[in-house]
C-alpha atoms as a PDB file:
ATOM      1  CA  MET A   1     274.048 171.587 139.035  1.00  0.00           C
ATOM      2  CA  GLU A   2     271.514 174.275 140.006  1.00  0.00           C
ATOM      3  CA  LYS A   3     270.334 172.744 143.269  1.00  0.00           C
ATOM      4  CA  LYS A   4     272.547 170.520 145.364  1.00  0.00           C
ATOM      5  CA  PHE A   5     271.505 167.153 146.741  1.00  0.00           C
ATOM      6  CA  ARG A   6     270.696 167.298 150.451  1.00  0.00           C
ATOM      7  CA  VAL A   7     272.908 164.661 152.053  1.00  0.00           C
ATOM      8  CA  GLY A   8     272.888 163.032 155.481  1.00  0.00           C
ATOM      9  CA  VAL A   9     275.762 161.316 157.261  1.00  0.00           C
ATOM     10  CA  LEU A  10     275.085 158.385 159.574  1.00  0.00           C
ATOM     11  CA  GLY A  11     277.862 157.985 162.129  1.00  0.00           C
ATOM     12  CA  GLY A  12     279.201 161.466 161.523  1.00  0.00           C
ATOM     13  CA  THR A  13     281.386 161.752 164.627  1.00  0.00           C
ATOM     14  CA  GLY A  14     283.846 158.914 163.851  1.00  0.00           C
ATOM     15  CA  MET A  15     286.905 159.327 161.650  1.00  0.00           C
ATOM     16  CA  VAL A  16     285.231 158.255 158.393  1.00  0.00           C
ATOM     17  CA  GLY A  17     282.120 160.242 159.284  1.00  0.00           C
ATOM     18  CA  GLN A  18     284.302 163.285 159.887  1.00  0.00           C
ATOM     19  CA  ARG A  19     285.925 162.734 156.495  1.00  0.00           C
ATOM     20  CA  PHE A  20     282.471 162.675 154.868  1.00  0.00           C
ATOM     21  CA  VAL A  21     281.600 165.971 156.560  1.00  0.00           C
ATOM     22  CA  GLN A  22     284.906 167.485 155.440  1.00  0.00           C
ATOM     23  CA  LEU A  23     284.503 166.360 151.811  1.00  0.00           C
ATOM     24  CA  LEU A  24     280.885 167.503 151.592  1.00  0.00           C
ATOM     25  CA  ALA A  25     281.792 171.012 152.781  1.00  0.00           C
ATOM     26  CA  ALA A  26     283.309 171.878 149.411  1.00  0.00           C
ATOM     27  CA  HIS A  27     281.392 169.533 147.121  1.00  0.00           C
ATOM     28  CA  PRO A  28     279.788 171.056 143.995  1.00  0.00           C
ATOM     29  CA  TRP A  29     276.840 168.613 143.891  1.00  0.00           C
ATOM     30  CA  PHE A  30     276.220 167.625 147.517  1.00  0.00           C
ATOM     31  CA  GLU A  31     275.650 169.522 150.769  1.00  0.00           C
ATOM     32  CA  THR A  32     275.367 168.297 154.345  1.00  0.00           C
ATOM     33  CA  ALA A  33     271.753 168.658 155.456  1.00  0.00           C
ATOM     34  CA  ALA A  34     271.721 166.358 158.511  1.00  0.00           C
ATOM     35  CA  ILE A  35     274.094 164.305 160.634  1.00  0.00           C
ATOM     36  CA  ALA A  36     273.181 161.399 162.906  1.00  0.00           C
ATOM     37  CA  ALA A  37     275.184 159.652 165.573  1.00  0.00           C
ATOM     38  CA  SER A  38     274.694 157.636 168.751  1.00  0.00           C
ATOM     39  CA  PRO A  39     271.881 158.475 171.197  1.00  0.00           C
ATOM     40  CA  GLN A  40     274.554 159.881 173.538  1.00  0.00           C
ATOM     41  CA  SER A  41     275.493 162.529 170.959  1.00  0.00           C
ATOM     42  CA  ALA A  42     271.978 163.302 169.694  1.00  0.00           C
ATOM     43  CA  GLY A  43     270.722 166.770 170.565  1.00  0.00           C
ATOM     44  CA  ARG A  44     274.178 168.362 170.608  1.00  0.00           C
ATOM     45  CA  THR A  45     275.578 170.471 167.823  1.00  0.00           C
ATOM     46  CA  TYR A  46     278.137 168.789 165.623  1.00  0.00           C
ATOM     47  CA  ALA A  47     280.857 171.120 166.912  1.00  0.00           C
ATOM     48  CA  GLU A  48     280.008 170.191 170.499  1.00  0.00           C
ATOM     49  CA  ALA A  49     279.926 166.474 169.710  1.00  0.00           C
ATOM     50  CA  VAL A  50     283.382 166.396 168.093  1.00  0.00           C
ATOM     51  CA  GLU A  51     285.082 168.842 170.447  1.00  0.00           C
ATOM     52  CA  GLY A  52     288.286 167.172 171.558  1.00  0.00           C
ATOM     53  CA  ARG A  53     287.538 164.297 169.145  1.00  0.00           C
ATOM     54  CA  TRP A  54     288.172 165.928 165.759  1.00  0.00           C
ATOM     55  CA  LEU A  55     290.774 163.660 164.151  1.00  0.00           C
ATOM     56  CA  LEU A  56     291.447 165.359 160.810  1.00  0.00           C
ATOM     57  CA  ASP A  57     293.670 168.230 159.755  1.00  0.00           C
ATOM     58  CA  GLY A  58     291.917 171.594 159.646  1.00  0.00           C
ATOM     59  CA  ALA A  59     288.921 172.874 161.556  1.00  0.00           C
ATOM     60  CA  VAL A  60     285.397 171.499 161.704  1.00  0.00           C
ATOM     61  CA  PRO A  61     283.670 172.807 158.539  1.00  0.00           C
ATOM     62  CA  ASP A  62     281.403 175.789 159.100  1.00  0.00           C
ATOM     63  CA  SER A  63     278.689 174.043 157.076  1.00  0.00           C
ATOM     64  CA  ALA A  64     278.349 171.403 159.796  1.00  0.00           C
ATOM     65  CA  ARG A  65     279.283 173.155 163.040  1.00  0.00           C
ATOM     66  CA  ASP A  66     275.787 174.183 164.079  1.00  0.00           C
ATOM     67  CA  LEU A  67     273.849 171.189 162.798  1.00  0.00           C
ATOM     68  CA  VAL A  68     272.054 169.480 165.681  1.00  0.00           C
ATOM     69  CA  LEU A  69     272.764 165.762 165.684  1.00  0.00           C
ATOM     70  CA  ARG A  70     269.922 163.314 165.410  1.00  0.00           C
ATOM     71  CA  ASP A  71     269.780 159.776 166.765  1.00  0.00           C
ATOM     72  CA  VAL A  72     270.955 157.398 164.047  1.00  0.00           C
ATOM     73  CA  SER A  73     267.861 155.264 164.658  1.00  0.00           C
ATOM     74  CA  ASP A  74     265.543 158.210 163.846  1.00  0.00           C
ATOM     75  CA  VAL A  75     264.841 156.923 160.348  1.00  0.00           C
ATOM     76  CA  ALA A  76     261.787 159.078 159.670  1.00  0.00           C
ATOM     77  CA  GLY A  77     263.430 162.253 160.963  1.00  0.00           C
ATOM     78  CA  MET A  78     266.544 161.804 158.849  1.00  0.00           C
ATOM     79  CA  ALA A  79     264.635 160.643 155.767  1.00  0.00           C
ATOM     80  CA  ASP A  80     262.528 163.821 155.830  1.00  0.00           C
ATOM     81  CA  ARG A  81     265.626 166.013 155.688  1.00  0.00           C
ATOM     82  CA  VAL A  82     267.793 164.407 153.025  1.00  0.00           C
ATOM     83  CA  ASP A  83     267.793 163.055 149.487  1.00  0.00           C
ATOM     84  CA  PHE A  84     270.262 160.277 150.310  1.00  0.00           C
ATOM     85  CA  LEU A  85     272.689 159.188 153.018  1.00  0.00           C
ATOM     86  CA  PHE A  86     276.289 158.192 153.537  1.00  0.00           C
ATOM     87  CA  SER A  87     276.696 155.535 156.208  1.00  0.00           C
ATOM     88  CA  ALA A  88     279.739 155.232 158.475  1.00  0.00           C
ATOM     89  CA  VAL A  89     278.020 153.820 161.549  1.00  0.00           C
ATOM     90  CA  ASN A  90     279.926 151.695 164.032  1.00  0.00           C
ATOM     91  CA  MET A  91     277.517 149.024 165.257  1.00  0.00           C
ATOM     92  CA  PRO A  92     277.142 145.223 165.036  1.00  0.00           C
ATOM     93  CA  SER A  93     276.625 143.976 161.484  1.00  0.00           C
ATOM     94  CA  ASP A  94     273.155 142.508 162.074  1.00  0.00           C
ATOM     95  CA  GLU A  95     271.886 145.770 163.520  1.00  0.00           C
ATOM     96  CA  LEU A  96     273.518 147.788 160.772  1.00  0.00           C
ATOM     97  CA  ARG A  97     272.009 145.644 158.015  1.00  0.00           C
ATOM     98  CA  ARG A  98     268.556 146.251 159.466  1.00  0.00           C
ATOM     99  CA  LEU A  99     269.178 149.970 159.919  1.00  0.00           C
ATOM    100  CA  GLU A 100     270.421 150.545 156.373  1.00  0.00           C
ATOM    101  CA  GLU A 101     267.491 148.574 154.960  1.00  0.00           C
ATOM    102  CA  ASP A 102     265.082 150.612 157.119  1.00  0.00           C
ATOM    103  CA  TYR A 103     266.447 153.783 155.513  1.00  0.00           C
ATOM    104  CA  ALA A 104     266.231 152.272 152.025  1.00  0.00           C
ATOM    105  CA  ARG A 105     262.616 151.263 152.674  1.00  0.00           C
ATOM    106  CA  ALA A 106     261.980 154.847 153.764  1.00  0.00           C
ATOM    107  CA  GLU A 107     262.869 155.747 150.144  1.00  0.00           C
ATOM    108  CA  THR A 108     266.226 157.195 151.144  1.00  0.00           C
ATOM    109  CA  PRO A 109     269.184 155.662 149.291  1.00  0.00           C
ATOM    110  CA  VAL A 110     272.204 154.675 151.374  1.00  0.00           C
ATOM    111  CA  VAL A 111     275.785 154.723 150.066  1.00  0.00           C
ATOM    112  CA  SER A 112     277.632 152.814 152.750  1.00  0.00           C
ATOM    113  CA  ASN A 113     281.242 152.628 153.828  1.00  0.00           C
ATOM    114  CA  ASN A 114     280.390 149.678 156.056  1.00  0.00           C
ATOM    115  CA  SER A 115     280.809 145.961 155.435  1.00  0.00           C
ATOM    116  CA  ALA A 116     277.366 144.799 156.605  1.00  0.00           C
ATOM    117  CA  HIS A 117     275.842 144.586 153.098  1.00  0.00           C
ATOM    118  CA  ARG A 118     278.931 143.788 151.035  1.00  0.00           C
ATOM    119  CA  TRP A 119     277.794 140.201 150.580  1.00  0.00           C
ATOM    120  CA  THR A 120     274.096 140.883 150.050  1.00  0.00           C
ATOM    121  CA  PRO A 121     273.742 139.509 146.489  1.00  0.00           C
ATOM    122  CA  ASP A 122     271.659 142.390 145.105  1.00  0.00           C
ATOM    123  CA  VAL A 123     273.718 145.167 146.738  1.00  0.00           C
ATOM    124  CA  PRO A 124     276.398 146.516 144.373  1.00  0.00           C
ATOM    125  CA  MET A 125     279.908 146.886 145.810  1.00  0.00           C
ATOM    126  CA  ILE A 126     281.450 149.479 143.560  1.00  0.00           C
ATOM    127  CA  ILE A 127     284.855 150.832 142.636  1.00  0.00           C
ATOM    128  CA  PRO A 128     283.521 153.296 140.032  1.00  0.00           C
ATOM    129  CA  GLU A 129     286.376 152.899 137.556  1.00  0.00           C
ATOM    130  CA  ILE A 130     286.167 149.102 137.624  1.00  0.00           C
ATOM    131  CA  ASN A 131     282.574 147.890 137.910  1.00  0.00           C
ATOM    132  CA  PRO A 132     280.121 150.772 137.320  1.00  0.00           C
ATOM    133  CA  THR A 133     277.673 148.439 135.537  1.00  0.00           C
ATOM    134  CA  HIS A 134     277.036 146.623 138.827  1.00  0.00           C
ATOM    135  CA  ALA A 135     274.735 149.545 139.680  1.00  0.00           C
ATOM    136  CA  GLU A 136     272.194 147.913 137.381  1.00  0.00           C
ATOM    137  CA  VAL A 137     271.438 145.377 140.135  1.00  0.00           C
ATOM    138  CA  ILE A 138     269.757 148.191 142.077  1.00  0.00           C
ATOM    139  CA  GLU A 139     266.529 147.601 140.155  1.00  0.00           C
ATOM    140  CA  ALA A 140     266.381 144.004 141.449  1.00  0.00           C
ATOM    141  CA  GLN A 141     267.143 145.210 144.967  1.00  0.00           C
ATOM    142  CA  ARG A 142     264.333 147.755 144.793  1.00  0.00           C
ATOM    143  CA  ARG A 143     261.907 144.998 143.800  1.00  0.00           C
ATOM    144  CA  ARG A 144     263.013 142.965 146.822  1.00  0.00           C
ATOM    145  CA  LEU A 145     262.692 145.925 149.177  1.00  0.00           C
ATOM    146  CA  GLY A 146     259.456 147.180 147.630  1.00  0.00           C
ATOM    147  CA  THR A 147     260.852 150.648 146.979  1.00  0.00           C
ATOM    148  CA  SER A 148     260.775 153.034 144.055  1.00  0.00           C
ATOM    149  CA  CYS A 149     263.776 155.176 145.071  1.00  0.00           C
ATOM    150  CA  GLY A 150     265.422 153.580 148.094  1.00  0.00           C
ATOM    151  CA  PHE A 151     268.378 151.199 147.818  1.00  0.00           C
ATOM    152  CA  ILE A 152     271.779 150.413 149.327  1.00  0.00           C
ATOM    153  CA  ALA A 153     275.126 150.568 147.540  1.00  0.00           C
ATOM    154  CA  VAL A 154     278.458 149.913 149.214  1.00  0.00           C
ATOM    155  CA  LYS A 155     282.130 150.466 148.578  1.00  0.00           C
ATOM    156  CA  PRO A 156     284.620 147.667 149.251  1.00  0.00           C
ATOM    157  CA  ASN A 157     287.279 147.267 151.893  1.00  0.00           C
ATOM    158  CA  CYS A 158     289.825 150.074 151.962  1.00  0.00           C
ATOM    159  CA  SER A 159     292.911 147.868 151.637  1.00  0.00           C
ATOM    160  CA  ILE A 160     291.924 146.199 148.359  1.00  0.00           C
ATOM    161  CA  GLN A 161     292.035 149.562 146.586  1.00  0.00           C
ATOM    162  CA  SER A 162     295.829 149.351 146.661  1.00  0.00           C
ATOM    163  CA  TYR A 163     296.046 146.285 144.383  1.00  0.00           C
ATOM    164  CA  VAL A 164     292.688 145.443 142.770  1.00  0.00           C
ATOM    165  CA  PRO A 165     292.909 148.376 140.296  1.00  0.00           C
ATOM    166  CA  ALA A 166     296.103 146.820 138.900  1.00  0.00           C
ATOM    167  CA  LEU A 167     294.378 143.441 138.555  1.00  0.00           C
ATOM    168  CA  ALA A 168     291.497 145.143 136.717  1.00  0.00           C
ATOM    169  CA  ALA A 169     293.899 146.910 134.367  1.00  0.00           C
ATOM    170  CA  TRP A 170     295.571 143.558 133.622  1.00  0.00           C
ATOM    171  CA  ARG A 171     292.366 141.542 133.351  1.00  0.00           C
ATOM    172  CA  ASP A 172     292.970 140.530 129.714  1.00  0.00           C
ATOM    173  CA  LEU A 173     296.224 138.895 130.845  1.00  0.00           C
ATOM    174  CA  GLU A 174     294.148 136.570 133.058  1.00  0.00           C
ATOM    175  CA  PRO A 175     295.557 136.948 136.588  1.00  0.00           C
ATOM    176  CA  LEU A 176     295.361 133.459 138.074  1.00  0.00           C
ATOM    177  CA  GLU A 177     296.924 133.708 141.535  1.00  0.00           C
ATOM    178  CA  VAL A 178     297.670 136.643 143.812  1.00  0.00           C
ATOM    179  CA  VAL A 179     299.610 136.822 147.065  1.00  0.00           C
ATOM    180  CA  ALA A 180     299.225 140.191 148.822  1.00  0.00           C
ATOM    181  CA  ALA A 181     300.629 141.551 152.065  1.00  0.00           C
ATOM    182  CA  THR A 182     298.955 144.807 153.110  1.00  0.00           C
ATOM    183  CA  TYR A 183     300.582 147.272 155.483  1.00  0.00           C
ATOM    184  CA  GLN A 184     297.666 149.271 156.801  1.00  0.00           C
ATOM    185  CA  ALA A 185     297.596 152.713 158.366  1.00  0.00           C
ATOM    186  CA  ILE A 186     296.193 153.288 161.839  1.00  0.00           C
ATOM    187  CA  SER A 187     293.506 155.634 160.537  1.00  0.00           C
ATOM    188  CA  GLY A 188     291.973 152.508 159.035  1.00  0.00           C
ATOM    189  CA  ALA A 189     291.046 151.663 162.621  1.00  0.00           C
ATOM    190  CA  GLY A 190     289.611 155.161 163.114  1.00  0.00           C
ATOM    191  CA  LYS A 191     292.567 156.329 165.186  1.00  0.00           C
ATOM    192  CA  ASN A 192     295.584 158.611 165.085  1.00  0.00           C
ATOM    193  CA  PHE A 193     298.782 158.542 167.122  1.00  0.00           C
ATOM    194  CA  ASP A 194     297.242 160.639 169.902  1.00  0.00           C
ATOM    195  CA  THR A 195     294.463 158.098 170.415  1.00  0.00           C
ATOM    196  CA  TRP A 196     296.668 155.049 169.755  1.00  0.00           C
ATOM    197  CA  PRO A 197     300.138 155.943 171.078  1.00  0.00           C
ATOM    198  CA  GLU A 198     301.154 152.303 171.482  1.00  0.00           C
ATOM    199  CA  MET A 199     301.318 152.016 167.686  1.00  0.00           C
ATOM    200  CA  ARG A 200     304.395 154.246 167.537  1.00  0.00           C
ATOM    201  CA  GLY A 201     307.316 152.066 166.489  1.00  0.00           C
ATOM    202  CA  ASN A 202     305.072 149.010 166.453  1.00  0.00           C
ATOM    203  CA  VAL A 203     303.580 146.501 163.985  1.00  0.00           C
ATOM    204  CA  ILE A 204     300.536 144.361 164.754  1.00  0.00           C
ATOM    205  CA  PRO A 205     300.362 141.296 162.472  1.00  0.00           C
ATOM    206  CA  PHE A 206     296.596 140.816 162.778  1.00  0.00           C
ATOM    207  CA  ILE A 207     293.528 142.874 161.862  1.00  0.00           C
ATOM    208  CA  GLU A 208     290.302 141.077 162.686  1.00  0.00           C
ATOM    209  CA  GLY A 209     288.358 140.027 159.594  1.00  0.00           C
ATOM    210  CA  GLU A 210     290.656 141.886 157.233  1.00  0.00           C
ATOM    211  CA  GLU A 211     292.297 138.959 155.485  1.00  0.00           C
ATOM    212  CA  GLU A 212     288.966 137.325 154.695  1.00  0.00           C
ATOM    213  CA  LYS A 213     287.645 140.610 153.242  1.00  0.00           C
ATOM    214  CA  SER A 214     290.811 141.168 151.233  1.00  0.00           C
ATOM    215  CA  GLU A 215     290.669 137.697 149.728  1.00  0.00           C
ATOM    216  CA  ARG A 216     286.941 137.595 148.928  1.00  0.00           C
ATOM    217  CA  GLU A 217     285.818 141.126 148.099  1.00  0.00           C
ATOM    218  CA  PRO A 218     287.906 141.524 144.921  1.00  0.00           C
ATOM    219  CA  LEU A 219     285.982 138.601 143.430  1.00  0.00           C
ATOM    220  CA  LYS A 220     282.675 140.420 143.839  1.00  0.00           C
ATOM    221  CA  VAL A 221     284.123 143.642 142.408  1.00  0.00           C
ATOM    222  CA  LEU A 222     285.447 141.656 139.419  1.00  0.00           C
ATOM    223  CA  GLY A 223     282.237 139.612 139.162  1.00  0.00           C
ATOM    224  CA  ARG A 224     279.234 139.947 136.868  1.00  0.00           C
ATOM    225  CA  LEU A 225     275.523 140.717 137.044  1.00  0.00           C
ATOM    226  CA  ARG A 226     273.312 137.659 136.521  1.00  0.00           C
ATOM    227  CA  GLY A 227     269.643 137.152 137.295  1.00  0.00           C
ATOM    228  CA  GLY A 228     269.232 140.071 139.667  1.00  0.00           C
ATOM    229  CA  GLU A 229     272.382 139.524 141.703  1.00  0.00           C
ATOM    230  CA  ILE A 230     276.139 139.942 141.509  1.00  0.00           C
ATOM    231  CA  VAL A 231     277.955 136.653 140.944  1.00  0.00           C
ATOM    232  CA  GLN A 232     281.576 136.663 142.020  1.00  0.00           C
ATOM    233  CA  ALA A 233     284.374 136.044 139.532  1.00  0.00           C
ATOM    234  CA  ASP A 234     285.962 132.613 139.374  1.00  0.00           C
ATOM    235  CA  GLY A 235     289.421 134.087 139.880  1.00  0.00           C
ATOM    236  CA  PRO A 236     292.052 135.037 140.565  1.00  0.00           C
ATOM    237  CA  ARG A 237     292.748 132.992 143.679  1.00  0.00           C
ATOM    238  CA  ILE A 238     293.898 135.460 146.340  1.00  0.00           C
ATOM    239  CA  THR A 239     295.636 134.991 149.675  1.00  0.00           C
ATOM    240  CA  CYS A 240     296.552 137.860 151.987  1.00  0.00           C
ATOM    241  CA  HIS A 241     298.495 138.896 155.058  1.00  0.00           C
ATOM    242  CA  CYS A 242     297.184 142.101 156.689  1.00  0.00           C
ATOM    243  CA  LEU A 243     299.354 144.030 159.155  1.00  0.00           C
ATOM    244  CA  ARG A 244     298.790 147.279 161.047  1.00  0.00           C
ATOM    245  CA  VAL A 245     301.819 149.584 160.777  1.00  0.00           C
ATOM    246  CA  PRO A 246     302.774 152.951 162.340  1.00  0.00           C
ATOM    247  CA  VAL A 247     301.586 155.108 159.418  1.00  0.00           C
ATOM    248  CA  LEU A 248     298.750 157.623 159.709  1.00  0.00           C
ATOM    249  CA  TYR A 249     297.358 157.526 156.148  1.00  0.00           C
ATOM    250  CA  GLY A 250     297.955 155.151 153.261  1.00  0.00           C
ATOM    251  CA  HIS A 251     297.555 151.399 152.854  1.00  0.00           C
ATOM    252  CA  THR A 252     300.491 149.768 151.074  1.00  0.00           C
ATOM    253  CA  ALA A 253     300.376 146.343 149.402  1.00  0.00           C
ATOM    254  CA  ALA A 254     303.280 144.132 148.332  1.00  0.00           C
ATOM    255  CA  VAL A 255     301.833 141.831 145.700  1.00  0.00           C
ATOM    256  CA  LEU A 256     302.847 138.744 143.726  1.00  0.00           C
ATOM    257  CA  VAL A 257     300.772 137.834 140.664  1.00  0.00           C
ATOM    258  CA  ARG A 258     300.808 134.934 138.238  1.00  0.00           C
ATOM    259  CA  PHE A 259     299.177 135.444 134.838  1.00  0.00           C
ATOM    260  CA  GLY A 260     297.490 132.945 132.567  1.00  0.00           C
ATOM    261  CA  ARG A 261     298.730 134.871 129.543  1.00  0.00           C
ATOM    262  CA  GLU A 262     302.311 136.021 129.943  1.00  0.00           C
ATOM    263  CA  PRO A 263     302.781 139.738 129.187  1.00  0.00           C
ATOM    264  CA  ALA A 264     305.257 140.643 126.485  1.00  0.00           C
ATOM    265  CA  SER A 265     307.290 142.831 128.827  1.00  0.00           C
ATOM    266  CA  VAL A 266     307.218 145.056 131.866  1.00  0.00           C
ATOM    267  CA  ASP A 267     306.488 147.941 129.488  1.00  0.00           C
ATOM    268  CA  GLU A 268     303.244 146.276 128.419  1.00  0.00           C
ATOM    269  CA  LEU A 269     302.131 145.994 132.041  1.00  0.00           C
ATOM    270  CA  ILE A 270     303.009 149.614 132.801  1.00  0.00           C
ATOM    271  CA  ALA A 271     301.211 150.841 129.692  1.00  0.00           C
ATOM    272  CA  LEU A 272     298.064 148.977 130.718  1.00  0.00           C
ATOM    273  CA  LEU A 273     298.190 150.650 134.139  1.00  0.00           C
ATOM    274  CA  ARG A 274     298.694 154.150 132.769  1.00  0.00           C
ATOM    275  CA  ASP A 275     296.038 153.775 130.072  1.00  0.00           C
ATOM    276  CA  PHE A 276     293.376 152.355 132.376  1.00  0.00           C
ATOM    277  CA  ARG A 277     290.431 154.738 132.603  1.00  0.00           C
ATOM    278  CA  GLY A 278     286.869 154.412 133.740  1.00  0.00           C
ATOM    279  CA  VAL A 279     283.502 156.131 133.628  1.00  0.00           C
ATOM    280  CA  PRO A 280     284.511 158.685 136.333  1.00  0.00           C
ATOM    281  CA  GLN A 281     287.338 159.945 134.109  1.00  0.00           C
ATOM    282  CA  GLU A 282     285.159 159.916 130.981  1.00  0.00           C
ATOM    283  CA  LEU A 283     282.429 161.931 132.729  1.00  0.00           C
ATOM    284  CA  GLY A 284     284.828 164.170 134.668  1.00  0.00           C
ATOM    285  CA  LEU A 285     283.057 163.424 137.961  1.00  0.00           C
ATOM    286  CA  PRO A 286     283.981 165.962 140.661  1.00  0.00           C
ATOM    287  CA  SER A 287     285.948 163.570 142.892  1.00  0.00           C
ATOM    288  CA  ALA A 288     287.550 161.539 140.098  1.00  0.00           C
ATOM    289  CA  PRO A 289     291.315 161.694 139.627  1.00  0.00           C
ATOM    290  CA  LYS A 290     292.334 162.687 136.120  1.00  0.00           C
ATOM    291  CA  GLN A 291     294.472 159.544 135.971  1.00  0.00           C
ATOM    292  CA  PHE A 292     293.204 156.613 137.996  1.00  0.00           C
ATOM    293  CA  ILE A 293     296.501 154.687 138.289  1.00  0.00           C
ATOM    294  CA  HIS A 294     299.878 156.400 138.471  1.00  0.00           C
ATOM    295  CA  TYR A 295     302.960 154.295 137.784  1.00  0.00           C
ATOM    296  CA  LEU A 296     306.042 155.614 139.632  1.00  0.00           C
ATOM    297  CA  GLU A 297     309.440 154.828 138.128  1.00  0.00           C
ATOM    298  CA  ALA A 298     311.626 155.527 141.186  1.00  0.00           C
ATOM    299  CA  GLU A 299     312.754 152.360 142.956  1.00  0.00           C
ATOM    300  CA  ASP A 300     311.752 153.681 146.384  1.00  0.00           C
ATOM    301  CA  ARG A 301     308.160 154.600 145.486  1.00  0.00           C
ATOM    302  CA  PRO A 302     305.304 154.581 146.271  1.00  0.00           C
ATOM    303  CA  GLN A 303     305.570 155.821 149.854  1.00  0.00           C
ATOM    304  CA  PRO A 304     302.622 156.841 152.061  1.00  0.00           C
ATOM    305  CA  ALA A 305     304.316 160.090 153.120  1.00  0.00           C
ATOM    306  CA  LEU A 306     304.933 161.138 149.518  1.00  0.00           C
ATOM    307  CA  ASP A 307     302.194 159.502 147.480  1.00  0.00           C
ATOM    308  CA  ALA A 308     299.054 158.797 149.526  1.00  0.00           C
ATOM    309  CA  GLN A 309     297.705 162.269 148.675  1.00  0.00           C
ATOM    310  CA  CYS A 310     298.148 161.761 144.910  1.00  0.00           C
ATOM    311  CA  GLU A 311     295.338 163.642 143.121  1.00  0.00           C
ATOM    312  CA  GLY A 312     293.700 164.572 146.400  1.00  0.00           C
ATOM    313  CA  GLY A 313     294.050 161.051 147.736  1.00  0.00           C
ATOM    314  CA  MET A 314     291.831 159.597 145.007  1.00  0.00           C
ATOM    315  CA  ALA A 315     294.454 158.114 142.668  1.00  0.00           C
ATOM    316  CA  ILE A 316     296.203 154.757 143.034  1.00  0.00           C
ATOM    317  CA  SER A 317     300.025 154.606 142.984  1.00  0.00           C
ATOM    318  CA  ILE A 318     301.880 151.544 141.698  1.00  0.00           C
ATOM    319  CA  GLY A 319     305.641 150.979 141.639  1.00  0.00           C
ATOM    320  CA  ARG A 320     308.462 148.430 141.760  1.00  0.00           C
ATOM    321  CA  LEU A 321     306.899 146.295 139.015  1.00  0.00           C
ATOM    322  CA  ARG A 322     309.373 143.558 138.176  1.00  0.00           C
ATOM    323  CA  ARG A 323     309.709 139.875 137.434  1.00  0.00           C
ATOM    324  CA  ASP A 324     309.630 137.403 140.291  1.00  0.00           C
ATOM    325  CA  PRO A 325     311.720 134.230 139.929  1.00  0.00           C
ATOM    326  CA  LEU A 326     309.145 132.031 141.673  1.00  0.00           C
ATOM    327  CA  PHE A 327     305.754 133.571 140.987  1.00  0.00           C
ATOM    328  CA  GLY A 328     305.930 135.564 137.763  1.00  0.00           C
ATOM    329  CA  TRP A 329     305.585 139.260 138.629  1.00  0.00           C
ATOM    330  CA  LYS A 330     305.538 141.492 141.705  1.00  0.00           C
ATOM    331  CA  PHE A 331     304.711 145.116 142.496  1.00  0.00           C
ATOM    332  CA  VAL A 332     303.901 147.553 145.287  1.00  0.00           C
ATOM    333  CA  GLY A 333     300.595 149.443 145.431  1.00  0.00           C
ATOM    334  CA  LEU A 334     299.369 152.325 147.576  1.00  0.00           C
ATOM    335  CA  SER A 335     296.000 153.960 148.196  1.00  0.00           C
ATOM    336  CA  HIS A 336     294.788 156.598 150.653  1.00  0.00           C
ATOM    337  CA  ASN A 337     292.611 154.647 153.049  1.00  0.00           C
ATOM    338  CA  THR A 338     290.210 157.342 154.304  1.00  0.00           C
ATOM    339  CA  LEU A 339     289.891 159.087 150.930  1.00  0.00           C
ATOM    340  CA  ARG A 340     289.900 156.633 148.019  1.00  0.00           C
ATOM    341  CA  GLY A 341     289.490 153.712 150.421  1.00  0.00           C
ATOM    342  CA  ALA A 342     286.620 155.073 152.492  1.00  0.00           C
ATOM    343  CA  ALA A 343     284.723 158.386 152.407  1.00  0.00           C
ATOM    344  CA  GLY A 344     286.173 159.667 149.137  1.00  0.00           C
ATOM    345  CA  GLY A 345     285.447 156.392 147.370  1.00  0.00           C
ATOM    346  CA  ALA A 346     281.858 156.489 148.636  1.00  0.00           C
ATOM    347  CA  VAL A 347     281.448 160.095 147.485  1.00  0.00           C
ATOM    348  CA  LEU A 348     282.734 159.136 144.028  1.00  0.00           C
ATOM    349  CA  CYS A 349     280.318 156.198 144.020  1.00  0.00           C
ATOM    350  CA  ALA A 350     277.454 158.592 144.838  1.00  0.00           C
ATOM    351  CA  GLU A 351     278.556 160.873 141.988  1.00  0.00           C
ATOM    352  CA  LEU A 352     278.423 157.895 139.627  1.00  0.00           C
ATOM    353  CA  LEU A 353     274.961 156.916 140.891  1.00  0.00           C
ATOM    354  CA  ALA A 354     273.727 160.496 140.546  1.00  0.00           C
ATOM    355  CA  SER A 355     275.080 160.733 136.998  1.00  0.00           C
ATOM    356  CA  ARG A 356     273.201 157.513 136.138  1.00  0.00           C
ATOM    357  CA  GLY A 357     269.919 158.730 137.646  1.00  0.00           C
ATOM    358  CA  TYR A 358     269.833 156.350 140.597  1.00  0.00           C
ATOM    359  CA  LEU A 359     269.960 159.281 143.048  1.00  0.00           C
ATOM    360  CA  THR A 360     267.231 161.863 142.720  1.00  0.00           C
ATOM    361  CA  LYS A 361     266.158 164.941 144.672  1.00  0.00           C
ATOM    362  CA  LYS A 362     263.047 164.586 146.799  1.00  0.00           C
END
C-alpha cells in the first residue's frame, strides 16, 4: 500500500487505547495521525498524558509520543486529520452512541471497541473470520445517517472470542445449547496488578453486564442480514457465568455444548476446528493469524501464560475437547482479551473493511 491510511484513536490513554497506539506503530497499512482523550488530557502530548499510566509492556511508541491530544468531543478537528477512527472511549453509552454517530455523520468511519452500538440493527458487529458479509449492512446504515463515507462498525465482547469461533466451526452440527463459564483477565477491566492489587489471589464472581453480553452477542454474530439490518440467529441458547480471575491477559472459557446433529467422533470436531478459515486468512490480512483456531492436544492446555500470545495474540486456542455424560460435549477455549478480543480484533476488522472498499482515504 503506497500511502497509509491516517488513523485516529478516540480514548487513546486507556488500556485499549494504548493497545491501539501500540499496534498502529508497526502497521503496514495504518498510521496514527491523531489521538483524542478527555478534556483534562487535551492539549498535552501523548507521552505527557500517559506518563505514569502506561500499562503495556515496552515504551510508548515514538510515532505517538509527540502528538498533541485533542478533546474527544472535537469532532470537526479530528475528522479533518484522519481517514477513519478507532474508538475506545470510556463514557456513558448514550453519550457514546451520539458521539460515534457525530463522527460518522462527519464522514469519518468509526471502528469501535465499545458496546454502545452493538445492538443498533444496522451496525455490523464483526468477527472477520465468522461474519464478514455483515459489512454489507453498512450501505443501509449510511442511508439512515445520510452519509456517503461515514459509518460505524463494532467488534463484539472480548470474552465471546474464546468460544464463539468453535461454535462457528461446528455450525453444520447445529449447536442447540451452550453453557459457558468465562474466567476473565483483569486487563479486561483496563487494569493491571499495580492498579488493582486486591485482585492478587482473588476471584470476583461478577462482572457487570458481562453475562448478558456473552449470552446475546453471539446470536448477532451468527445472525443474518435481512432488509437493511442484522437479524440475530435463533440459536444456540446460551447461558453464562462470568468471573474475574487473577490473570493479566487471556480470557478462558469452560464450555458445554449440545448438538442437534451428533458428530461422528472427537476427531471430526477437531478437524472442523483446525480446518476453519475465513476471509482474513484467504486475503492474508496483516493482522490475521495464519490459522484461526489452534487445537492443543495436551490435557493441561490451553493456559493464558502459555497460549494467550498464540500468533501474536490473534489466534484462538481450544483444548480438552471430550464427551460430557450429561450435556454431550465439553471443551476449554482461550483468547487474548486486549489483542484478538479488543484492539487487535478491531484492527483486523478495519483491515477487512479496507480490503472491501468501505474505508477510503480522504
